[in-house]
């Protein structure tokens, strides 16, 4: 059996609308880590600490393990960090984040608040 690649993070994915609300909430509280968006901007992915996927169970979201990807020059200080998932790009790059990953408990709270906000807005339309 081949050894497992080193895990750098897990990834919580949510629909873009809820994710954007959560990013705003987390930014206000200085708690947003790096965030990815897919090519079609349908989903956002929040980088969370490794191991989060083992216990993540928030309806409407998914948490998966990601693995380190090869970067052309990992030792270059001025090189931007490569997204850990193929086909994505940064919405909040590591350089602009408040930490290396978003705290899962804080993210869960922000996603819940975002869902309640969206529900309230949709009821008023």
C-alpha atoms as a PDB file:
ATOM      1  CA  UNK A   1       0.000   0.000   0.000  1.00  0.00           C
ATOM      2  CA  UNK A   2       1.297   3.460  -0.882  1.00  0.00           C
ATOM      3  CA  UNK A   3       1.780   5.961   1.948  1.00  0.00           C
ATOM      4  CA  UNK A   4      -0.909   8.616   2.250  1.00  0.00           C
ATOM      5  CA  UNK A   5      -0.010  12.068   0.952  1.00  0.00           C
ATOM      6  CA  UNK A   6       0.337  14.661   3.702  1.00  0.00           C
ATOM      7  CA  UNK A   7      -2.942  16.432   4.356  1.00  0.00           C
ATOM      8  CA  UNK A   8      -2.754  20.185   4.481  1.00  0.00           C
ATOM      9  CA  UNK A   9      -6.426  20.841   5.162  1.00  0.00           C
ATOM     10  CA  UNK A  10      -9.989  19.682   4.839  1.00  0.00           C
ATOM     11  CA  UNK A  11     -12.462  21.615   2.735  1.00  0.00           C
ATOM     12  CA  UNK A  12     -16.024  22.584   3.667  1.00  0.00           C
ATOM     13  CA  UNK A  13     -18.041  23.328   0.523  1.00  0.00           C
ATOM     14  CA  UNK A  14     -21.320  25.233   0.463  1.00  0.00           C
ATOM     15  CA  UNK A  15     -23.511  26.929  -2.153  1.00  0.00           C
ATOM     16  CA  UNK A  16     -21.998  30.258  -3.225  1.00  0.00           C
ATOM     17  CA  UNK A  17     -24.795  32.439  -1.841  1.00  0.00           C
ATOM     18  CA  UNK A  18     -24.516  30.999   1.668  1.00  0.00           C
ATOM     19  CA  UNK A  19     -20.740  30.976   1.437  1.00  0.00           C
ATOM     20  CA  UNK A  20     -20.516  34.645   0.487  1.00  0.00           C
ATOM     21  CA  UNK A  21     -22.754  35.589   3.429  1.00  0.00           C
ATOM     22  CA  UNK A  22     -20.564  33.500   5.722  1.00  0.00           C
ATOM     23  CA  UNK A  23     -17.377  35.130   4.374  1.00  0.00           C
ATOM     24  CA  UNK A  24     -18.822  38.564   5.215  1.00  0.00           C
ATOM     25  CA  UNK A  25     -19.778  37.415   8.710  1.00  0.00           C
ATOM     26  CA  UNK A  26     -16.355  35.886   9.314  1.00  0.00           C
ATOM     27  CA  UNK A  27     -14.538  38.965   8.005  1.00  0.00           C
ATOM     28  CA  UNK A  28     -16.429  41.152  10.460  1.00  0.00           C
ATOM     29  CA  UNK A  29     -15.226  38.895  13.271  1.00  0.00           C
ATOM     30  CA  UNK A  30     -11.640  38.501  11.990  1.00  0.00           C
ATOM     31  CA  UNK A  31     -12.192  34.772  11.584  1.00  0.00           C
ATOM     32  CA  UNK A  32     -12.025  33.957   7.876  1.00  0.00           C
ATOM     33  CA  UNK A  33      -9.317  31.630   6.652  1.00  0.00           C
ATOM     34  CA  UNK A  34      -8.549  30.926   3.015  1.00  0.00           C
ATOM     35  CA  UNK A  35     -11.618  30.410   0.796  1.00  0.00           C
ATOM     36  CA  UNK A  36     -11.834  28.861  -2.663  1.00  0.00           C
ATOM     37  CA  UNK A  37     -14.394  29.233  -5.427  1.00  0.00           C
ATOM     38  CA  UNK A  38     -15.028  26.789  -8.230  1.00  0.00           C
ATOM     39  CA  UNK A  39     -14.756  27.769 -11.879  1.00  0.00           C
ATOM     40  CA  UNK A  40     -18.506  28.304 -12.284  1.00  0.00           C
ATOM     41  CA  UNK A  41     -18.771  30.161  -8.943  1.00  0.00           C
ATOM     42  CA  UNK A  42     -21.488  27.724  -7.843  1.00  0.00           C
ATOM     43  CA  UNK A  43     -19.746  26.746  -4.614  1.00  0.00           C
ATOM     44  CA  UNK A  44     -17.273  28.129  -2.129  1.00  0.00           C
ATOM     45  CA  UNK A  45     -14.820  26.050  -0.138  1.00  0.00           C
ATOM     46  CA  UNK A  46     -13.514  27.006   3.294  1.00  0.00           C
ATOM     47  CA  UNK A  47     -10.163  25.548   4.298  1.00  0.00           C
ATOM     48  CA  UNK A  48     -10.469  24.020   7.758  1.00  0.00           C
ATOM     49  CA  UNK A  49      -7.967  22.033   9.850  1.00  0.00           C
ATOM     50  CA  UNK A  50      -7.240  18.414   8.884  1.00  0.00           C
ATOM     51  CA  UNK A  51      -9.574  16.010  10.663  1.00  0.00           C
ATOM     52  CA  UNK A  52     -12.650  18.241  10.384  1.00  0.00           C
ATOM     53  CA  UNK A  53     -14.176  15.963   7.727  1.00  0.00           C
ATOM     54  CA  UNK A  54     -14.302  13.098  10.222  1.00  0.00           C
ATOM     55  CA  UNK A  55     -17.059  14.769  12.248  1.00  0.00           C
ATOM     56  CA  UNK A  56     -18.633  17.320   9.898  1.00  0.00           C
ATOM     57  CA  UNK A  57     -22.410  16.889   9.587  1.00  0.00           C
ATOM     58  CA  UNK A  58     -23.923  20.278   8.754  1.00  0.00           C
ATOM     59  CA  UNK A  59     -26.843  19.834   6.308  1.00  0.00           C
ATOM     60  CA  UNK A  60     -26.404  21.687   3.022  1.00  0.00           C
ATOM     61  CA  UNK A  61     -22.627  21.430   3.146  1.00  0.00           C
ATOM     62  CA  UNK A  62     -19.948  18.823   2.643  1.00  0.00           C
ATOM     63  CA  UNK A  63     -16.499  18.425   4.146  1.00  0.00           C
ATOM     64  CA  UNK A  64     -13.816  16.483   2.336  1.00  0.00           C
ATOM     65  CA  UNK A  65     -10.147  15.800   2.827  1.00  0.00           C
ATOM     66  CA  UNK A  66      -7.653  17.495   0.529  1.00  0.00           C
ATOM     67  CA  UNK A  67      -4.018  16.671  -0.004  1.00  0.00           C
ATOM     68  CA  UNK A  68      -0.885  18.646  -0.729  1.00  0.00           C
ATOM     69  CA  UNK A  69      -0.440  19.424  -4.419  1.00  0.00           C
ATOM     70  CA  UNK A  70       2.922  19.892  -6.017  1.00  0.00           C
ATOM     71  CA  UNK A  71       3.805  23.527  -6.555  1.00  0.00           C
ATOM     72  CA  UNK A  72       6.337  24.618  -9.157  1.00  0.00           C
ATOM     73  CA  UNK A  73       8.583  26.257  -6.554  1.00  0.00           C
ATOM     74  CA  UNK A  74       7.425  25.688  -2.988  1.00  0.00           C
ATOM     75  CA  UNK A  75      10.457  27.475  -1.573  1.00  0.00           C
ATOM     76  CA  UNK A  76       9.867  30.775  -3.362  1.00  0.00           C
ATOM     77  CA  UNK A  77       8.749  33.340  -0.766  1.00  0.00           C
ATOM     78  CA  UNK A  78       7.056  35.610  -3.286  1.00  0.00           C
ATOM     79  CA  UNK A  79       5.149  32.854  -5.105  1.00  0.00           C
ATOM     80  CA  UNK A  80       1.394  32.886  -4.424  1.00  0.00           C
ATOM     81  CA  UNK A  81       0.029  29.773  -2.744  1.00  0.00           C
ATOM     82  CA  UNK A  82      -1.562  27.265  -5.097  1.00  0.00           C
ATOM     83  CA  UNK A  83      -5.139  26.266  -4.292  1.00  0.00           C
ATOM     84  CA  UNK A  84      -5.197  22.745  -2.825  1.00  0.00           C
ATOM     85  CA  UNK A  85      -8.022  21.640  -5.154  1.00  0.00           C
ATOM     86  CA  UNK A  86      -7.709  21.436  -8.949  1.00  0.00           C
ATOM     87  CA  UNK A  87     -10.140  23.682 -10.848  1.00  0.00           C
ATOM     88  CA  UNK A  88     -10.484  26.284  -8.122  1.00  0.00           C
ATOM     89  CA  UNK A  89      -9.125  29.727  -7.407  1.00  0.00           C
ATOM     90  CA  UNK A  90      -8.870  31.870  -4.295  1.00  0.00           C
ATOM     91  CA  UNK A  91     -11.726  34.087  -3.149  1.00  0.00           C
ATOM     92  CA  UNK A  92      -9.754  34.809   0.029  1.00  0.00           C
ATOM     93  CA  UNK A  93      -6.090  33.959  -0.580  1.00  0.00           C
ATOM     94  CA  UNK A  94      -3.928  32.746   2.308  1.00  0.00           C
ATOM     95  CA  UNK A  95      -2.095  36.073   2.256  1.00  0.00           C
ATOM     96  CA  UNK A  96      -5.370  37.943   2.919  1.00  0.00           C
ATOM     97  CA  UNK A  97      -6.811  35.527   5.471  1.00  0.00           C
ATOM     98  CA  UNK A  98      -6.760  35.847   9.247  1.00  0.00           C
ATOM     99  CA  UNK A  99      -5.282  32.381   9.650  1.00  0.00           C
ATOM    100  CA  UNK A 100      -4.176  29.253   7.846  1.00  0.00           C
ATOM    101  CA  UNK A 101      -7.662  27.747   8.209  1.00  0.00           C
ATOM    102  CA  UNK A 102     -11.113  28.698   9.482  1.00  0.00           C
ATOM    103  CA  UNK A 103     -12.038  27.312  12.893  1.00  0.00           C
ATOM    104  CA  UNK A 104     -14.752  24.679  12.217  1.00  0.00           C
ATOM    105  CA  UNK A 105     -16.942  25.760  15.159  1.00  0.00           C
ATOM    106  CA  UNK A 106     -16.774  29.401  14.079  1.00  0.00           C
ATOM    107  CA  UNK A 107     -17.530  28.398  10.479  1.00  0.00           C
ATOM    108  CA  UNK A 108     -20.518  26.290  11.547  1.00  0.00           C
ATOM    109  CA  UNK A 109     -21.930  29.276  13.451  1.00  0.00           C
ATOM    110  CA  UNK A 110     -21.349  31.656  10.516  1.00  0.00           C
ATOM    111  CA  UNK A 111     -22.945  29.246   8.036  1.00  0.00           C
ATOM    112  CA  UNK A 112     -25.999  28.929  10.286  1.00  0.00           C
ATOM    113  CA  UNK A 113     -26.283  32.702  10.591  1.00  0.00           C
ATOM    114  CA  UNK A 114     -25.880  33.029   6.821  1.00  0.00           C
ATOM    115  CA  UNK A 115     -28.649  30.486   6.190  1.00  0.00           C
ATOM    116  CA  UNK A 116     -31.002  32.344   8.558  1.00  0.00           C
ATOM    117  CA  UNK A 117     -30.204  35.657   6.843  1.00  0.00           C
ATOM    118  CA  UNK A 118     -30.892  34.209   3.391  1.00  0.00           C
ATOM    119  CA  UNK A 119     -34.154  32.663   4.616  1.00  0.00           C
ATOM    120  CA  UNK A 120     -35.291  35.998   6.077  1.00  0.00           C
ATOM    121  CA  UNK A 121     -34.420  37.890   2.875  1.00  0.00           C
ATOM    122  CA  UNK A 122     -36.239  35.339   0.725  1.00  0.00           C
ATOM    123  CA  UNK A 123     -39.381  35.618   2.902  1.00  0.00           C
ATOM    124  CA  UNK A 124     -39.433  39.408   2.403  1.00  0.00           C
ATOM    125  CA  UNK A 125     -39.379  39.230  -1.387  1.00  0.00           C
END
